C-alpha cells in the first residue's frame, strides 16, 4: 500500500501536468492532470478529496473556458493552491465543464472545512469558489475522473521511451524482439487474451499470479509476451493500440513494452 511520510507542504512526487480534451455524458470537458502523482496514488496519508469549483464569468456556449478568461482563472487556482499547500492539501488536477473550473486536491483527514474556507475566501478574487470536502481514500476522483484513458496514457509513455532510444542512437526502424506486459483479473480471461494475441503473432506467453498494489491489494494474472517489431513512433503506437483494445475488452490493463537498445554498428 503506497504510503509517504513527507513534510505536509511538499509534493512527494515530481509534477508532470498534461492537458487533454474529452467528451462525457454531460458534454465536452478539458482536463489538466498531474501524471506525476500516479505511482503514489492512493496516498494513505491523504484520504480526503477537496473540490474547489470556480464558476466561470464568460463560459463558451459549450460550457468550456474562453481563452480570454484563462489567465484570470489560473491566477486564482495558483493562489488557492499556494495558500492551501501548508495545510497539506496537494493539487492533482482540474476539470472544466458546464461553466465551471473544478480544482482537485487531496489532504490529511485532520484538515477541516473551518480551516480551508477562510483561506479560499481570502484568495478567490472575483470568483465565488464553492468548497466540497469528501472522503476518497482510493483516490477515485484522480484515478478515474482526471486520469487519461489507458491508451492515451500509453501513447504518452511511448513518446518518452522512443525519445530515450533515439537519444542513444538506436536505429528505430530495425526490427527486434519487443517485450510486452498486461494484467488480467481472471484466468479464463487471460486465456482468451492469449488466444487473441497469438492470432496476431505474439508469442512466449508467461503467466504469473501477482498482487497489484493499492489500498486493498488484489491478485491479478500478469501476462508477459513478445513479438518482433520495429520501435519507431508509428509502429509502437499501432502495436499499443491493438494490444490495448484486446486487453481492455477483457477487463485488464496494458502496462507497456520494453526492448534492448540496438547500436548503429549492429
Protein backbone atom coordinates (compact mmCIF):
# COMPACT_ATOMS: atom_id res chain seq x y z
CA UNK A 1 0.00 0.00 0.00
CA UNK A 2 1.56 3.32 -1.05
CA UNK A 3 2.32 5.48 1.95
CA UNK A 4 4.52 8.50 2.30
CA UNK A 5 5.91 10.38 5.30
CA UNK A 6 6.91 13.79 3.98
CA UNK A 7 6.52 17.40 5.09
CA UNK A 8 2.90 18.40 4.58
CA UNK A 9 3.81 21.36 2.38
CA UNK A 10 5.81 19.35 -0.18
CA UNK A 11 4.55 17.22 -3.03
CA UNK A 12 6.23 13.81 -2.71
CA UNK A 13 6.31 13.42 -6.47
CA UNK A 14 7.71 15.34 -9.42
CA UNK A 15 4.97 17.34 -11.11
CA UNK A 16 4.11 16.34 -14.67
CA UNK A 17 0.96 18.12 -15.86
CA UNK A 18 -0.83 17.25 -19.07
CA UNK A 19 -3.97 18.75 -20.62
CA UNK A 20 -6.42 16.85 -22.79
CA UNK A 21 -9.95 17.13 -24.17
CA UNK A 22 -12.72 14.55 -23.99
CA UNK A 23 -16.47 14.09 -24.34
CA UNK A 24 -18.53 12.94 -21.36
CA UNK A 25 -22.19 12.12 -20.82
CA UNK A 26 -22.78 15.75 -19.81
CA UNK A 27 -20.82 17.32 -22.66
CA UNK A 28 -17.26 18.34 -23.50
CA UNK A 29 -14.55 18.55 -20.85
CA UNK A 30 -10.99 19.79 -20.70
CA UNK A 31 -8.82 18.11 -18.09
CA UNK A 32 -5.49 19.08 -16.59
CA UNK A 33 -3.92 16.26 -14.58
CA UNK A 34 -0.65 15.83 -12.69
CA UNK A 35 0.54 12.48 -14.02
CA UNK A 36 3.44 12.55 -11.59
CA UNK A 37 1.16 11.52 -8.72
CA UNK A 38 0.21 8.20 -10.36
CA UNK A 39 2.96 6.00 -8.81
CA UNK A 40 1.92 7.08 -5.29
CA UNK A 41 -1.85 7.03 -5.74
CA UNK A 42 -3.62 6.47 -3.45
CA UNK A 43 -1.65 8.02 -0.57
CA UNK A 44 -2.86 6.68 2.79
CA UNK A 45 -1.77 9.94 4.45
CA UNK A 46 -4.10 11.99 2.20
CA UNK A 47 -7.52 10.27 2.14
CA UNK A 48 -9.68 13.41 1.79
CA UNK A 49 -10.64 14.99 -1.52
CA UNK A 50 -11.25 18.72 -1.78
CA UNK A 51 -13.15 20.07 -4.80
CA UNK A 52 -12.94 23.82 -5.37
CA UNK A 53 -15.37 24.94 -8.07
CA UNK A 54 -14.82 28.30 -9.78
CA UNK A 55 -17.94 29.35 -11.76
CA UNK A 56 -16.65 30.89 -14.99
CA UNK A 57 -17.53 34.50 -15.74
CA UNK A 58 -17.89 34.11 -19.51
CA UNK A 59 -18.01 30.43 -20.46
CA UNK A 60 -18.37 29.47 -24.10
CA UNK A 61 -21.70 28.09 -25.32
CA UNK A 62 -20.41 24.52 -24.80
CA UNK A 63 -19.61 25.24 -21.15
CA UNK A 64 -15.83 25.33 -21.57
CA UNK A 65 -13.48 28.15 -20.60
CA UNK A 66 -12.97 31.01 -23.02
CA UNK A 67 -9.33 31.76 -23.81
CA UNK A 68 -9.82 35.38 -22.62
CA UNK A 69 -10.63 34.11 -19.11
CA UNK A 70 -7.84 31.55 -18.87
CA UNK A 71 -5.24 33.80 -17.20
CA UNK A 72 -7.67 35.05 -14.55
CA UNK A 73 -8.88 31.55 -13.67
CA UNK A 74 -5.39 30.09 -13.40
CA UNK A 75 -4.20 33.04 -11.30
CA UNK A 76 -6.90 32.20 -8.75
CA UNK A 77 -6.16 28.48 -8.99
CA UNK A 78 -2.45 29.12 -8.34
CA UNK A 79 -3.27 31.39 -5.37
CA UNK A 80 -5.57 28.76 -3.87
CA UNK A 81 -3.01 26.00 -4.30
CA UNK A 82 -0.30 28.11 -2.67
CA UNK A 83 -2.38 29.10 0.36
CA UNK A 84 -3.66 25.54 0.96
CA UNK A 85 -0.33 23.75 0.49
CA UNK A 86 0.84 24.50 4.08
CA UNK A 87 -2.23 22.56 5.32
CA UNK A 88 -1.04 19.53 3.36
CA UNK A 89 -3.53 19.88 0.51
CA UNK A 90 -1.90 18.68 -2.71
CA UNK A 91 -3.37 19.64 -6.08
CA UNK A 92 -3.66 16.78 -8.57
CA UNK A 93 -5.53 18.48 -11.39
CA UNK A 94 -8.53 20.41 -12.66
CA UNK A 95 -11.56 19.79 -14.86
CA UNK A 96 -13.58 22.30 -16.88
CA UNK A 97 -17.19 21.53 -17.79
CA UNK A 98 -20.64 23.12 -17.72
CA UNK A 99 -19.37 26.60 -17.00
CA UNK A 100 -17.04 25.86 -14.10
CA UNK A 101 -13.40 25.01 -13.48
CA UNK A 102 -13.08 22.48 -10.65
CA UNK A 103 -9.75 22.12 -8.85
CA UNK A 104 -8.98 18.78 -7.17
CA UNK A 105 -6.74 18.45 -4.11
CA UNK A 106 -6.06 15.69 -1.58
CA UNK A 107 -5.23 16.25 2.06
CA UNK A 108 -4.97 14.71 5.53
CA UNK A 109 -8.21 13.87 7.33
CA UNK A 110 -7.24 16.25 10.14
CA UNK A 111 -7.83 19.31 7.93
CA UNK A 112 -11.31 20.79 8.39
CA UNK A 113 -13.59 22.99 6.33
CA UNK A 114 -13.28 25.64 9.04
CA UNK A 115 -9.57 25.86 8.20
CA UNK A 116 -9.98 25.83 4.45
CA UNK A 117 -12.93 28.13 3.75
CA UNK A 118 -11.42 31.34 5.20
CA UNK A 119 -8.27 30.82 3.12
CA UNK A 120 -10.34 30.23 -0.01
CA UNK A 121 -12.39 33.39 0.58
CA UNK A 122 -9.21 35.41 1.07
CA UNK A 123 -7.69 34.21 -2.22
CA UNK A 124 -10.66 33.64 -4.54
CA UNK A 125 -10.53 37.10 -6.09
CA UNK A 126 -13.56 37.80 -8.25
CA UNK A 127 -14.73 34.17 -8.17
CA UNK A 128 -17.22 32.78 -5.64
CA UNK A 129 -15.50 29.45 -5.07
CA UNK A 130 -17.60 26.53 -3.84
CA UNK A 131 -15.75 24.19 -1.44
CA UNK A 132 -16.62 20.50 -1.07
CA UNK A 133 -14.83 18.10 1.29
CA UNK A 134 -15.26 14.36 0.70
CA UNK A 135 -13.52 11.19 1.85
CA UNK A 136 -11.84 9.46 -1.09
CA UNK A 137 -9.18 7.10 0.31
CA UNK A 138 -8.91 5.24 -3.01
CA UNK A 139 -8.29 8.49 -4.91
CA UNK A 140 -11.14 7.61 -7.23
CA UNK A 141 -11.50 11.19 -8.43
CA UNK A 142 -7.86 11.27 -9.51
CA UNK A 143 -7.58 7.77 -10.95
CA UNK A 144 -10.98 7.60 -12.67
CA UNK A 145 -12.19 11.16 -13.19
CA UNK A 146 -8.96 13.01 -14.03
CA UNK A 147 -6.51 10.39 -15.21
CA UNK A 148 -6.47 9.99 -19.01
CA UNK A 149 -7.78 6.85 -20.73
CA UNK A 150 -5.28 3.99 -20.71
CA UNK A 151 -4.41 4.22 -24.41
CA UNK A 152 -3.89 7.99 -24.23
CA UNK A 153 -1.52 7.49 -21.31
CA UNK A 154 0.34 4.65 -23.04
CA UNK A 155 0.90 6.72 -26.18
CA UNK A 156 2.45 9.41 -23.99
CA UNK A 157 4.78 6.80 -22.45
CA UNK A 158 5.61 5.61 -25.97
CA UNK A 159 6.87 9.08 -26.84
CA UNK A 160 9.15 9.08 -23.80
CA UNK A 161 10.51 5.59 -24.45
CA UNK A 162 11.15 6.20 -28.16
CA UNK A 163 12.83 9.53 -27.36
CA UNK A 164 15.24 7.76 -24.99
CA UNK A 165 16.11 5.16 -27.62
CA UNK A 166 16.60 7.84 -30.26
CA UNK A 167 18.87 9.83 -27.94
CA UNK A 168 21.06 6.71 -27.56
CA UNK A 169 21.42 6.43 -31.34
CA UNK A 170 19.09 3.46 -31.75
CA UNK A 171 18.03 2.84 -35.39
CA UNK A 172 14.36 2.61 -34.55
CA UNK A 173 13.38 1.05 -37.87
CA UNK A 174 15.39 -2.12 -37.15
CA UNK A 175 13.11 -4.96 -36.06
CA UNK A 176 13.87 -6.63 -32.74
CA UNK A 177 12.09 -8.61 -30.01
CA UNK A 178 9.78 -6.27 -28.11
CA UNK A 179 8.53 -7.44 -24.70
CA UNK A 180 5.01 -6.54 -23.54
CA UNK A 181 3.15 -6.87 -20.24
CA UNK A 182 -0.51 -6.85 -19.27
CA UNK A 183 -2.53 -7.60 -16.15
CA UNK A 184 -5.78 -9.61 -16.38
CA UNK A 185 -8.20 -10.18 -13.47
CA UNK A 186 -9.14 -13.84 -14.02
CA UNK A 187 -7.50 -16.92 -15.51
CA UNK A 188 -10.18 -17.65 -18.10
CA UNK A 189 -9.89 -14.08 -19.39
CA UNK A 190 -6.10 -14.38 -19.51
CA UNK A 191 -6.54 -17.48 -21.65
CA UNK A 192 -8.82 -15.60 -24.02
CA UNK A 193 -6.36 -12.71 -24.25
CA UNK A 194 -3.52 -15.10 -25.03
CA UNK A 195 -5.55 -16.73 -27.80
CA UNK A 196 -6.38 -13.35 -29.36
CA UNK A 197 -2.79 -12.11 -29.16
CA UNK A 198 -1.44 -15.40 -30.53
CA UNK A 199 -3.54 -14.80 -33.61
CA UNK A 200 -1.67 -11.52 -34.09
CA UNK A 201 1.73 -13.19 -33.96
CA UNK A 202 2.63 -12.61 -30.31
CA UNK A 203 4.34 -15.49 -28.54
CA UNK A 204 6.40 -16.52 -25.49
CA UNK A 205 3.44 -16.13 -23.12
CA UNK A 206 4.26 -16.36 -19.42
CA UNK A 207 1.65 -16.14 -16.67
CA UNK A 208 2.15 -15.28 -13.03
CA UNK A 209 -0.38 -14.53 -10.30
CA UNK A 210 0.84 -11.35 -8.61
CA UNK A 211 -0.50 -8.79 -6.11
CA UNK A 212 -1.45 -5.42 -7.61
CA UNK A 213 -0.62 -2.53 -5.21
CA UNK A 214 -3.38 -0.35 -3.81
CA UNK A 215 -5.17 0.49 -0.60
CA UNK A 216 -6.63 -3.02 -0.76
CA UNK A 217 -4.20 -5.09 -2.90
CA UNK A 218 -5.72 -7.74 -5.15
CA UNK A 219 -4.28 -10.64 -7.10
CA UNK A 220 -4.17 -10.45 -10.89
CA UNK A 221 -2.61 -12.50 -13.64
CA UNK A 222 0.47 -10.84 -15.07
CA UNK A 223 0.88 -11.79 -18.70
CA UNK A 224 4.26 -11.31 -20.41
CA UNK A 225 4.70 -11.87 -24.15
CA UNK A 226 6.69 -10.64 -27.12
CA UNK A 227 6.78 -10.13 -30.87
CA UNK A 228 9.39 -8.94 -33.34
CA UNK A 229 8.64 -5.35 -34.40
CA UNK A 230 10.29 -2.05 -35.18
CA UNK A 231 10.03 0.63 -32.49
CA UNK A 232 9.53 3.81 -34.49
CA UNK A 233 6.76 6.13 -33.29
CA UNK A 234 4.07 5.00 -35.71
CA UNK A 235 4.72 1.31 -35.15
CA UNK A 236 4.80 1.31 -31.34
CA UNK A 237 1.58 3.33 -31.27
CA UNK A 238 -0.16 0.89 -33.61
CA UNK A 239 1.03 -2.10 -31.57
CA UNK A 240 -0.03 -0.48 -28.30
CA UNK A 241 -3.48 0.17 -29.70
CA UNK A 242 -4.03 -3.39 -30.92
CA UNK A 243 -2.90 -4.86 -27.59
CA UNK A 244 -4.83 -2.33 -25.51
CA UNK A 245 -8.08 -2.99 -27.41
CA UNK A 246 -7.87 -6.72 -26.66
CA UNK A 247 -6.76 -6.37 -23.04
CA UNK A 248 -9.34 -3.69 -22.14
CA UNK A 249 -12.12 -5.78 -23.68
CA UNK A 250 -11.19 -8.45 -21.10
CA UNK A 251 -11.16 -6.03 -18.12
CA UNK A 252 -7.37 -5.91 -18.00
CA UNK A 253 -4.69 -3.25 -18.29
CA UNK A 254 -1.86 -3.00 -20.79
CA UNK A 255 1.31 -1.97 -18.97
CA UNK A 256 3.63 -1.16 -21.84
CA UNK A 257 6.69 -2.51 -23.59
CA UNK A 258 10.45 -2.73 -23.46
CA UNK A 259 13.27 -3.79 -25.77
CA UNK A 260 17.04 -3.95 -25.99
CA UNK A 261 18.93 -0.96 -27.33
CA UNK A 262 20.46 -1.55 -30.77
CA UNK A 263 23.59 0.39 -31.63
CA UNK A 264 24.28 1.88 -35.05
CA UNK A 265 27.10 -0.61 -35.69
CA UNK A 266 24.98 -3.71 -35.06
